[in-house]
C-alpha atoms as a PDB file:
ATOM      1  CA  MET A   1     -13.791  13.756  -9.205  1.00  0.00           C
ATOM      2  CA  ALA A   2     -10.049  13.908  -9.713  1.00  0.00           C
ATOM      3  CA  ARG A   3      -8.488  17.350  -9.327  1.00  0.00           C
ATOM      4  CA  VAL A   4      -6.136  16.781 -12.265  1.00  0.00           C
ATOM      5  CA  ALA A   5      -7.016  15.083 -15.563  1.00  0.00           C
ATOM      6  CA  TYR A   6      -5.744  11.550 -15.936  1.00  0.00           C
ATOM      7  CA  GLY A   7      -2.735  11.066 -18.175  1.00  0.00           C
ATOM      8  CA  ASP A   8      -3.132  10.024 -21.783  1.00  0.00           C
ATOM      9  CA  GLU A   9      -1.561   6.621 -22.428  1.00  0.00           C
ATOM     10  CA  ASN A  10      -1.033   7.573 -26.065  1.00  0.00           C
ATOM     11  CA  SER A  11       0.492  11.018 -25.530  1.00  0.00           C
ATOM     12  CA  SER A  12       3.992   9.915 -26.582  1.00  0.00           C
ATOM     13  CA  PRO A  13       5.972   6.760 -27.357  1.00  0.00           C
ATOM     14  CA  GLU A  14       7.633   7.103 -23.904  1.00  0.00           C
ATOM     15  CA  VAL A  15       4.273   7.134 -22.132  1.00  0.00           C
ATOM     16  CA  GLN A  16       2.927   4.292 -24.308  1.00  0.00           C
ATOM     17  CA  ALA A  17       5.902   2.119 -23.350  1.00  0.00           C
ATOM     18  CA  LEU A  18       5.481   2.976 -19.673  1.00  0.00           C
ATOM     19  CA  ALA A  19       1.732   2.248 -19.820  1.00  0.00           C
ATOM     20  CA  GLY A  20       2.536  -1.133 -21.379  1.00  0.00           C
ATOM     21  CA  GLN A  21       4.980  -1.892 -18.557  1.00  0.00           C
ATOM     22  CA  ILE A  22       2.397  -0.886 -15.944  1.00  0.00           C
ATOM     23  CA  ARG A  23      -0.190  -3.181 -17.529  1.00  0.00           C
ATOM     24  CA  ARG A  24       2.286  -6.090 -17.646  1.00  0.00           C
ATOM     25  CA  GLU A  25       3.246  -5.659 -13.999  1.00  0.00           C
ATOM     26  CA  ARG A  26      -0.286  -4.955 -12.714  1.00  0.00           C
ATOM     27  CA  ASP A  27      -2.378  -7.847 -14.050  1.00  0.00           C
ATOM     28  CA  GLY A  28      -3.158  -6.105 -17.339  1.00  0.00           C
ATOM     29  CA  ARG A  29      -4.936  -3.247 -15.599  1.00  0.00           C
ATOM     30  CA  MET A  30      -4.391   0.482 -15.637  1.00  0.00           C
ATOM     31  CA  LEU A  31      -5.652   1.655 -12.272  1.00  0.00           C
ATOM     32  CA  ASN A  32      -6.664   5.289 -11.905  1.00  0.00           C
ATOM     33  CA  LEU A  33      -3.635   5.770  -9.656  1.00  0.00           C
ATOM     34  CA  TYR A  34      -1.298   4.875 -12.507  1.00  0.00           C
ATOM     35  CA  SER A  35      -3.336   6.851 -15.042  1.00  0.00           C
ATOM     36  CA  MET A  36      -2.791   9.884 -12.819  1.00  0.00           C
ATOM     37  CA  LEU A  37       0.925   9.150 -12.518  1.00  0.00           C
ATOM     38  CA  LEU A  38       1.260   9.074 -16.323  1.00  0.00           C
ATOM     39  CA  ASN A  39       1.066  12.887 -16.187  1.00  0.00           C
ATOM     40  CA  ALA A  40       4.642  12.765 -14.842  1.00  0.00           C
ATOM     41  CA  PRO A  41       6.421   9.858 -16.600  1.00  0.00           C
ATOM     42  CA  PRO A  42       9.653   9.983 -14.548  1.00  0.00           C
ATOM     43  CA  VAL A  43       7.621   9.901 -11.321  1.00  0.00           C
ATOM     44  CA  ALA A  44       5.434   7.077 -12.680  1.00  0.00           C
ATOM     45  CA  GLU A  45       8.531   5.088 -13.616  1.00  0.00           C
ATOM     46  CA  GLY A  46      10.126   5.504 -10.195  1.00  0.00           C
ATOM     47  CA  TRP A  47       6.830   4.789  -8.452  1.00  0.00           C
ATOM     48  CA  LEU A  48       6.378   1.591 -10.446  1.00  0.00           C
ATOM     49  CA  ALA A  49       9.895   0.426  -9.575  1.00  0.00           C
ATOM     50  CA  LEU A  50       9.452   1.153  -5.860  1.00  0.00           C
ATOM     51  CA  PHE A  51       6.055  -0.484  -5.511  1.00  0.00           C
ATOM     52  CA  THR A  52       6.966  -3.464  -7.679  1.00  0.00           C
ATOM     53  CA  ALA A  53       9.893  -4.041  -5.314  1.00  0.00           C
ATOM     54  CA  ILE A  54       7.673  -3.677  -2.236  1.00  0.00           C
ATOM     55  CA  ARG A  55       4.829  -5.847  -3.524  1.00  0.00           C
ATOM     56  CA  GLN A  56       6.668  -8.466  -5.553  1.00  0.00           C
ATOM     57  CA  GLN A  57      10.330  -8.667  -4.593  1.00  0.00           C
ATOM     58  CA  CYS A  58      10.495  -8.375  -0.811  1.00  0.00           C
ATOM     59  CA  THR A  59      10.811 -11.291   1.585  1.00  0.00           C
ATOM     60  CA  LEU A  60       8.224  -9.818   3.986  1.00  0.00           C
ATOM     61  CA  ARG A  61       5.172 -12.065   3.951  1.00  0.00           C
ATOM     62  CA  GLY A  62       2.196 -10.800   1.992  1.00  0.00           C
ATOM     63  CA  ASP A  63      -0.229 -10.978   4.903  1.00  0.00           C
ATOM     64  CA  TYR A  64       1.911  -8.540   6.904  1.00  0.00           C
ATOM     65  CA  ARG A  65       2.267  -6.256   3.867  1.00  0.00           C
ATOM     66  CA  GLU A  66      -1.476  -6.174   3.249  1.00  0.00           C
ATOM     67  CA  LEU A  67      -2.345  -5.621   6.919  1.00  0.00           C
ATOM     68  CA  VAL A  68      -0.019  -2.608   6.808  1.00  0.00           C
ATOM     69  CA  ILE A  69      -1.579  -1.253   3.627  1.00  0.00           C
ATOM     70  CA  LEU A  70      -5.113  -1.581   4.951  1.00  0.00           C
ATOM     71  CA  ARG A  71      -4.216  -0.019   8.301  1.00  0.00           C
ATOM     72  CA  VAL A  72      -2.422   2.917   6.628  1.00  0.00           C
ATOM     73  CA  ALA A  73      -5.468   3.433   4.404  1.00  0.00           C
ATOM     74  CA  LEU A  74      -7.783   3.461   7.428  1.00  0.00           C
ATOM     75  CA  LEU A  75      -5.595   5.857   9.389  1.00  0.00           C
ATOM     76  CA  ASN A  76      -5.311   8.241   6.455  1.00  0.00           C
ATOM     77  CA  GLY A  77      -8.937   7.998   5.310  1.00  0.00           C
ATOM     78  CA  ALA A  78      -7.844   6.646   1.933  1.00  0.00           C
ATOM     79  CA  SER A  79     -10.877   4.623   0.836  1.00  0.00           C
ATOM     80  CA  TYR A  80      -9.481   4.038  -2.678  1.00  0.00           C
ATOM     81  CA  GLU A  81      -6.355   2.409  -1.258  1.00  0.00           C
ATOM     82  CA  TYR A  82      -8.413   0.347   1.176  1.00  0.00           C
ATOM     83  CA  GLN A  83     -10.897  -0.885  -1.442  1.00  0.00           C
ATOM     84  CA  VAL A  84      -8.172  -1.868  -3.890  1.00  0.00           C
ATOM     85  CA  HIS A  85      -6.231  -3.840  -1.281  1.00  0.00           C
ATOM     86  CA  VAL A  86      -8.968  -5.840   0.469  1.00  0.00           C
ATOM     87  CA  PRO A  87      -8.932  -8.525  -2.279  1.00  0.00           C
ATOM     88  CA  PHE A  88      -5.114  -8.669  -2.127  1.00  0.00           C
ATOM     89  CA  ALA A  89      -5.265  -9.077   1.661  1.00  0.00           C
ATOM     90  CA  LEU A  90      -7.726 -11.946   1.392  1.00  0.00           C
ATOM     91  CA  ARG A  91      -5.540 -13.658  -1.244  1.00  0.00           C
ATOM     92  CA  GLU A  92      -2.519 -13.295   1.047  1.00  0.00           C
ATOM     93  CA  GLY A  93      -4.290 -15.060   3.904  1.00  0.00           C
ATOM     94  CA  VAL A  94      -5.622 -12.161   5.950  1.00  0.00           C
ATOM     95  CA  THR A  95      -9.036 -13.238   7.189  1.00  0.00           C
ATOM     96  CA  GLN A  96     -12.223 -11.230   6.863  1.00  0.00           C
ATOM     97  CA  PRO A  97     -12.536 -11.017  10.683  1.00  0.00           C
ATOM     98  CA  GLN A  98      -8.997  -9.570  10.828  1.00  0.00           C
ATOM     99  CA  ILE A  99      -9.893  -7.020   8.147  1.00  0.00           C
ATOM    100  CA  ASP A 100     -13.132  -6.126   9.928  1.00  0.00           C
ATOM    101  CA  MET A 101     -11.341  -5.323  13.197  1.00  0.00           C
ATOM    102  CA  LEU A 102      -8.476  -3.254  11.787  1.00  0.00           C
ATOM    103  CA  ASP A 103     -10.024  -0.008  13.009  1.00  0.00           C
ATOM    104  CA  ARG A 104      -9.889  -1.376  16.573  1.00  0.00           C
ATOM    105  CA  TRP A 105      -7.064  -3.921  16.311  1.00  0.00           C
ATOM    106  CA  GLN A 106      -5.783  -3.216  19.838  1.00  0.00           C
ATOM    107  CA  ASP A 107      -8.893  -4.909  21.274  1.00  0.00           C
ATOM    108  CA  SER A 108      -8.826  -7.912  18.951  1.00  0.00           C
ATOM    109  CA  THR A 109      -7.908 -11.478  19.796  1.00  0.00           C
ATOM    110  CA  ALA A 110      -7.794 -12.385  16.085  1.00  0.00           C
ATOM    111  CA  LEU A 111      -4.143 -11.329  15.708  1.00  0.00           C
ATOM    112  CA  THR A 112      -0.844 -13.044  16.335  1.00  0.00           C
ATOM    113  CA  PRO A 113       1.864 -11.286  18.383  1.00  0.00           C
ATOM    114  CA  ALA A 114       3.756 -10.586  15.141  1.00  0.00           C
ATOM    115  CA  GLN A 115       0.686  -9.015  13.529  1.00  0.00           C
ATOM    116  CA  ARG A 116       0.112  -6.890  16.630  1.00  0.00           C
ATOM    117  CA  ALA A 117       3.739  -5.705  16.485  1.00  0.00           C
ATOM    118  CA  VAL A 118       3.344  -4.834  12.798  1.00  0.00           C
ATOM    119  CA  LEU A 119       0.169  -2.832  13.431  1.00  0.00           C
ATOM    120  CA  ALA A 120       1.642  -0.971  16.399  1.00  0.00           C
ATOM    121  CA  TYR A 121       4.648  -0.052  14.235  1.00  0.00           C
ATOM    122  CA  THR A 122       2.322   1.044  11.428  1.00  0.00           C
ATOM    123  CA  ASP A 123       0.340   3.237  13.813  1.00  0.00           C
ATOM    124  CA  ALA A 124       3.466   4.846  15.277  1.00  0.00           C
ATOM    125  CA  MET A 125       5.017   5.567  11.868  1.00  0.00           C
ATOM    126  CA  THR A 126       1.778   6.868  10.378  1.00  0.00           C
ATOM    127  CA  ARG A 127       0.349   8.857  13.266  1.00  0.00           C
ATOM    128  CA  ASP A 128       3.412  10.085  15.120  1.00  0.00           C
ATOM    129  CA  ILE A 129       6.383   9.592  12.756  1.00  0.00           C
ATOM    130  CA  TYR A 130       8.519   8.898  15.835  1.00  0.00           C
ATOM    131  CA  VAL A 131       8.583   5.224  16.828  1.00  0.00           C
ATOM    132  CA  PRO A 132       9.105   4.482  20.528  1.00  0.00           C
ATOM    133  CA  ASP A 133      11.791   1.917  21.323  1.00  0.00           C
ATOM    134  CA  THR A 134       9.210  -0.388  22.899  1.00  0.00           C
ATOM    135  CA  VAL A 135       7.209  -0.493  19.662  1.00  0.00           C
ATOM    136  CA  PHE A 136      10.308  -1.110  17.557  1.00  0.00           C
ATOM    137  CA  ASP A 137      11.705  -3.718  19.941  1.00  0.00           C
ATOM    138  CA  ALA A 138       8.458  -5.707  19.678  1.00  0.00           C
ATOM    139  CA  LEU A 139       9.319  -6.390  16.014  1.00  0.00           C
ATOM    140  CA  ARG A 140      12.724  -7.949  16.710  1.00  0.00           C
ATOM    141  CA  PRO A 141      11.591 -11.424  17.854  1.00  0.00           C
ATOM    142  CA  HIS A 142       9.489 -11.859  14.713  1.00  0.00           C
ATOM    143  CA  PHE A 143      11.438 -10.286  11.851  1.00  0.00           C
ATOM    144  CA  SER A 144      14.940 -10.233  10.392  1.00  0.00           C
ATOM    145  CA  GLN A 145      16.727  -6.938   9.794  1.00  0.00           C
ATOM    146  CA  ARG A 146      15.863  -7.190   6.112  1.00  0.00           C
ATOM    147  CA  GLU A 147      12.187  -7.770   6.891  1.00  0.00           C
ATOM    148  CA  ILE A 148      12.151  -4.794   9.277  1.00  0.00           C
ATOM    149  CA  VAL A 149      13.599  -2.581   6.540  1.00  0.00           C
ATOM    150  CA  GLU A 150      11.051  -3.938   4.054  1.00  0.00           C
ATOM    151  CA  LEU A 151       8.244  -3.411   6.575  1.00  0.00           C
ATOM    152  CA  THR A 152       9.394   0.162   7.174  1.00  0.00           C
ATOM    153  CA  ALA A 153       9.541   0.849   3.415  1.00  0.00           C
ATOM    154  CA  THR A 154       6.068  -0.622   3.011  1.00  0.00           C
ATOM    155  CA  ILE A 155       4.586   1.582   5.720  1.00  0.00           C
ATOM    156  CA  GLY A 156       6.328   4.685   4.408  1.00  0.00           C
ATOM    157  CA  GLY A 157       5.494   3.857   0.803  1.00  0.00           C
ATOM    158  CA  TYR A 158       1.818   3.306   1.394  1.00  0.00           C
ATOM    159  CA  ASN A 159       1.590   6.508   3.397  1.00  0.00           C
ATOM    160  CA  LEU A 160       2.859   8.136   0.194  1.00  0.00           C
ATOM    161  CA  VAL A 161       0.187   6.317  -1.817  1.00  0.00           C
ATOM    162  CA  SER A 162      -2.682   7.408   0.426  1.00  0.00           C
ATOM    163  CA  ARG A 163      -1.501  11.005   0.533  1.00  0.00           C
ATOM    164  CA  PHE A 164      -1.133  11.119  -3.256  1.00  0.00           C
ATOM    165  CA  LEU A 165      -4.573   9.570  -3.828  1.00  0.00           C
ATOM    166  CA  GLU A 166      -6.330  11.863  -1.387  1.00  0.00           C
ATOM    167  CA  ALA A 167      -4.572  15.102  -2.385  1.00  0.00           C
ATOM    168  CA  LEU A 168      -5.459  14.591  -6.043  1.00  0.00           C
ATOM    169  CA  ALA A 169      -8.896  13.043  -5.303  1.00  0.00           C
ATOM    170  CA  VAL A 170      -8.172  10.059  -7.540  1.00  0.00           C
ATOM    171  CA  ASP A 171     -11.464   8.384  -8.397  1.00  0.00           C
ATOM    172  CA  PRO A 172     -12.268   4.919  -7.028  1.00  0.00           C
ATOM    173  CA  GLU A 173     -11.944   2.045  -9.420  1.00  0.00           C
ATOM    174  CA  PRO A 174     -15.161   0.800 -10.992  1.00  0.00           C
ATOM    175  CA  ALA A 175     -16.354  -2.562  -9.673  1.00  0.00           C
ATOM    176  CA  ARG A 176     -14.904  -5.485 -11.610  1.00  0.00           C
ATOM    177  CA  SER A 177     -17.322  -7.996 -12.993  1.00  0.00           C
END
């Protein structure tokens, strides 16, 4: 059960407008994450802008983005984040065998060298903060400077998401029929 009540979409014209924007940009849905964020409209607005940029406006391929999100969720024990993003990962071309081995990716043969570099970078940023040069240098043959910045923002951003979800005990989404 969430530690803070979810925000009321109808609490003010400002919040109603923001809720409408969230629904437009998120497939008509109001996830519990965004309902929680409605308690702080300026934070919700900034959050929406950041994650819309990361998910919809970056040049980084979606399969890399979703591998990162799932790995961050696993490392941080954020089941909500993981459950929400498995369907996105599958739509972006991540295979079910790749998803199934994310908890032990180092031993997997189901990954490309670029995917392995992305996951090593994700692990270093999430677990240790400090990224060894060898881990960072493994990205260079596969990604442009822009993509490396976008990848870094994605990893950092989704660490924020998992920490927010877990600290406030945001409830999982009900199954969609």
